[in-house]
Amino acid sequence: MMATDENRPSLRRLLRRFTASEAELDAAELQRESAEQGCTLADQCRRGQVVAVSGRLRTVVYTPRTNLPTLEADLYDGSDVVTLVWLGRRHIAGIEPGRQLTARGRVALRDDRKVIYNPYYELEAPR
């Protein structure tokens, strides 16, 4: 049987799935889920833009500062990372590495990294 043009995209996808690393497959899945929720991909976020981003928390760090403590979490959506920063917080229940969430807010840049300060967020049920 000869391959037709309509079979090639699915064949390419199938071959990509067999040859892709687990990290690449995970990134593709996170991007797909983000798009399904109508969120902006992190690599498309621009400074000053109000966005909704969805993904998985990679790291959560409490930064004690003398004047204002902060809780910072890196949200990865398969395309890039957006750092979520809660000013004046030491801990937030449910904000932990591996947790899926959707965050909304205005994108800022800090040290060439995308940041959302005090985002509105919705935790997704643990899997």
Protein backbone atom coordinates (compact mmCIF):
# COMPACT_ATOMS: atom_id res chain seq x y z
CA MET A 1 0.00 0.00 0.00
CA MET A 2 1.34 3.40 -0.95
CA ALA A 3 1.35 6.23 1.62
CA THR A 4 -0.96 9.10 0.73
CA ASP A 5 -0.65 12.71 1.75
CA GLU A 6 -3.46 12.34 4.28
CA ASN A 7 -1.65 9.45 6.01
CA ARG A 8 1.70 11.23 6.31
CA PRO A 9 0.90 13.64 9.15
CA SER A 10 -0.33 10.82 11.38
CA LEU A 11 2.68 8.68 10.38
CA ARG A 12 5.00 11.57 11.25
CA ARG A 13 3.26 12.03 14.60
CA LEU A 14 3.55 8.31 15.30
CA LEU A 15 7.26 8.25 14.43
CA ARG A 16 7.84 11.37 16.56
CA ARG A 17 6.18 9.67 19.53
CA PHE A 18 8.48 6.65 19.19
CA THR A 19 11.64 8.73 18.89
CA ALA A 20 10.84 11.57 21.30
CA SER A 21 12.21 11.63 24.83
CA GLU A 22 9.90 11.49 27.81
CA ALA A 23 10.61 15.18 28.50
CA GLU A 24 9.61 16.12 24.94
CA LEU A 25 6.38 14.13 25.21
CA ASP A 26 5.61 15.73 28.59
CA ALA A 27 6.24 19.22 27.17
CA ALA A 28 3.93 18.52 24.22
CA GLU A 29 1.22 17.26 26.58
CA LEU A 30 1.51 20.37 28.80
CA GLN A 31 1.26 22.63 25.74
CA ARG A 32 -1.80 20.73 24.49
CA GLU A 33 -3.53 21.01 27.88
CA SER A 34 -2.72 24.73 28.06
CA ALA A 35 -4.19 25.33 24.61
CA GLU A 36 -7.33 23.34 25.51
CA GLN A 37 -7.89 25.66 28.47
CA GLY A 38 -7.52 28.72 26.24
CA CYS A 39 -4.35 29.88 27.97
CA THR A 40 -1.42 31.75 26.45
CA LEU A 41 1.76 29.72 26.06
CA ALA A 42 4.58 31.08 28.22
CA ASP A 43 6.90 31.57 25.26
CA GLN A 44 4.29 33.91 23.71
CA CYS A 45 3.80 36.07 26.82
CA ARG A 46 5.06 39.63 26.52
CA ARG A 47 5.83 42.29 29.15
CA GLY A 48 2.72 44.26 30.15
CA GLN A 49 0.32 41.70 28.74
CA VAL A 50 -2.48 40.34 30.97
CA VAL A 51 -2.47 36.57 30.48
CA ALA A 52 -3.73 33.25 31.76
CA VAL A 53 -1.02 30.58 31.84
CA SER A 54 -1.44 26.94 32.78
CA GLY A 55 1.15 24.31 33.63
CA ARG A 56 3.06 22.47 36.31
CA LEU A 57 5.04 24.00 39.15
CA ARG A 58 8.68 22.99 38.88
CA THR A 59 10.10 24.73 41.94
CA VAL A 60 8.69 26.60 44.91
CA VAL A 61 11.06 28.73 47.00
CA TYR A 62 10.52 30.94 50.03
CA THR A 63 12.86 33.91 49.91
CA PRO A 64 13.22 35.59 53.28
CA ARG A 65 14.03 39.24 52.79
CA THR A 66 14.39 41.76 55.55
CA ASN A 67 11.75 44.13 54.21
CA LEU A 68 9.39 41.80 52.29
CA PRO A 69 9.39 37.99 52.21
CA THR A 70 8.33 36.34 48.94
CA LEU A 71 7.13 32.95 47.78
CA GLU A 72 8.28 32.19 44.23
CA ALA A 73 7.20 29.31 42.00
CA ASP A 74 8.34 28.43 38.48
CA LEU A 75 5.38 27.45 36.29
CA TYR A 76 6.33 25.36 33.23
CA ASP A 77 3.84 24.90 30.41
CA GLY A 78 6.01 22.93 27.99
CA SER A 79 7.16 25.99 26.06
CA ASP A 80 8.82 28.22 28.69
CA VAL A 81 8.74 29.18 32.36
CA VAL A 82 6.82 31.98 34.06
CA THR A 83 7.80 32.77 37.64
CA LEU A 84 4.87 33.41 39.96
CA VAL A 85 5.74 35.70 42.89
CA TRP A 86 3.56 36.23 45.94
CA LEU A 87 4.80 39.21 47.93
CA GLY A 88 4.61 39.01 51.73
CA ARG A 89 3.86 35.26 51.75
CA ARG A 90 5.85 32.48 53.33
CA HIS A 91 3.61 29.56 52.38
CA ILE A 92 0.41 28.96 50.42
CA ALA A 93 -1.46 25.68 50.84
CA GLY A 94 -1.33 23.64 47.64
CA ILE A 95 1.51 25.62 46.07
CA GLU A 96 4.11 22.84 45.82
CA PRO A 97 6.36 21.32 43.15
CA GLY A 98 4.53 19.06 40.71
CA ARG A 99 1.16 20.72 41.21
CA GLN A 100 -0.85 21.76 38.13
CA LEU A 101 -2.43 25.21 38.15
CA THR A 102 -3.71 28.09 36.05
CA ALA A 103 -2.50 31.59 36.93
CA ARG A 104 -3.72 34.97 35.70
CA GLY A 105 -2.01 38.33 35.88
CA ARG A 106 0.15 40.95 34.18
CA VAL A 107 3.53 39.81 32.88
CA ALA A 108 6.61 41.71 34.05
CA LEU A 109 10.29 41.11 33.31
CA ARG A 110 12.84 40.64 36.09
CA ASP A 111 16.41 39.77 35.10
CA ASP A 112 15.11 38.80 31.62
CA ARG A 113 12.67 36.31 33.16
CA LYS A 114 8.90 36.46 32.82
CA VAL A 115 7.23 37.12 36.17
CA ILE A 116 3.65 37.55 37.38
CA TYR A 117 3.36 39.25 40.77
CA ASN A 118 0.55 38.20 43.13
CA PRO A 119 -1.28 36.16 40.48
CA TYR A 120 -4.84 34.99 40.74
CA TYR A 121 -4.56 31.19 40.57
CA GLU A 122 -6.67 28.04 40.42
CA LEU A 123 -5.22 24.73 41.55
CA GLU A 124 -6.12 21.66 39.54
CA ALA A 125 -7.01 18.42 41.27
CA PRO A 126 -3.95 16.23 41.94
CA ARG A 127 -3.53 13.36 39.47
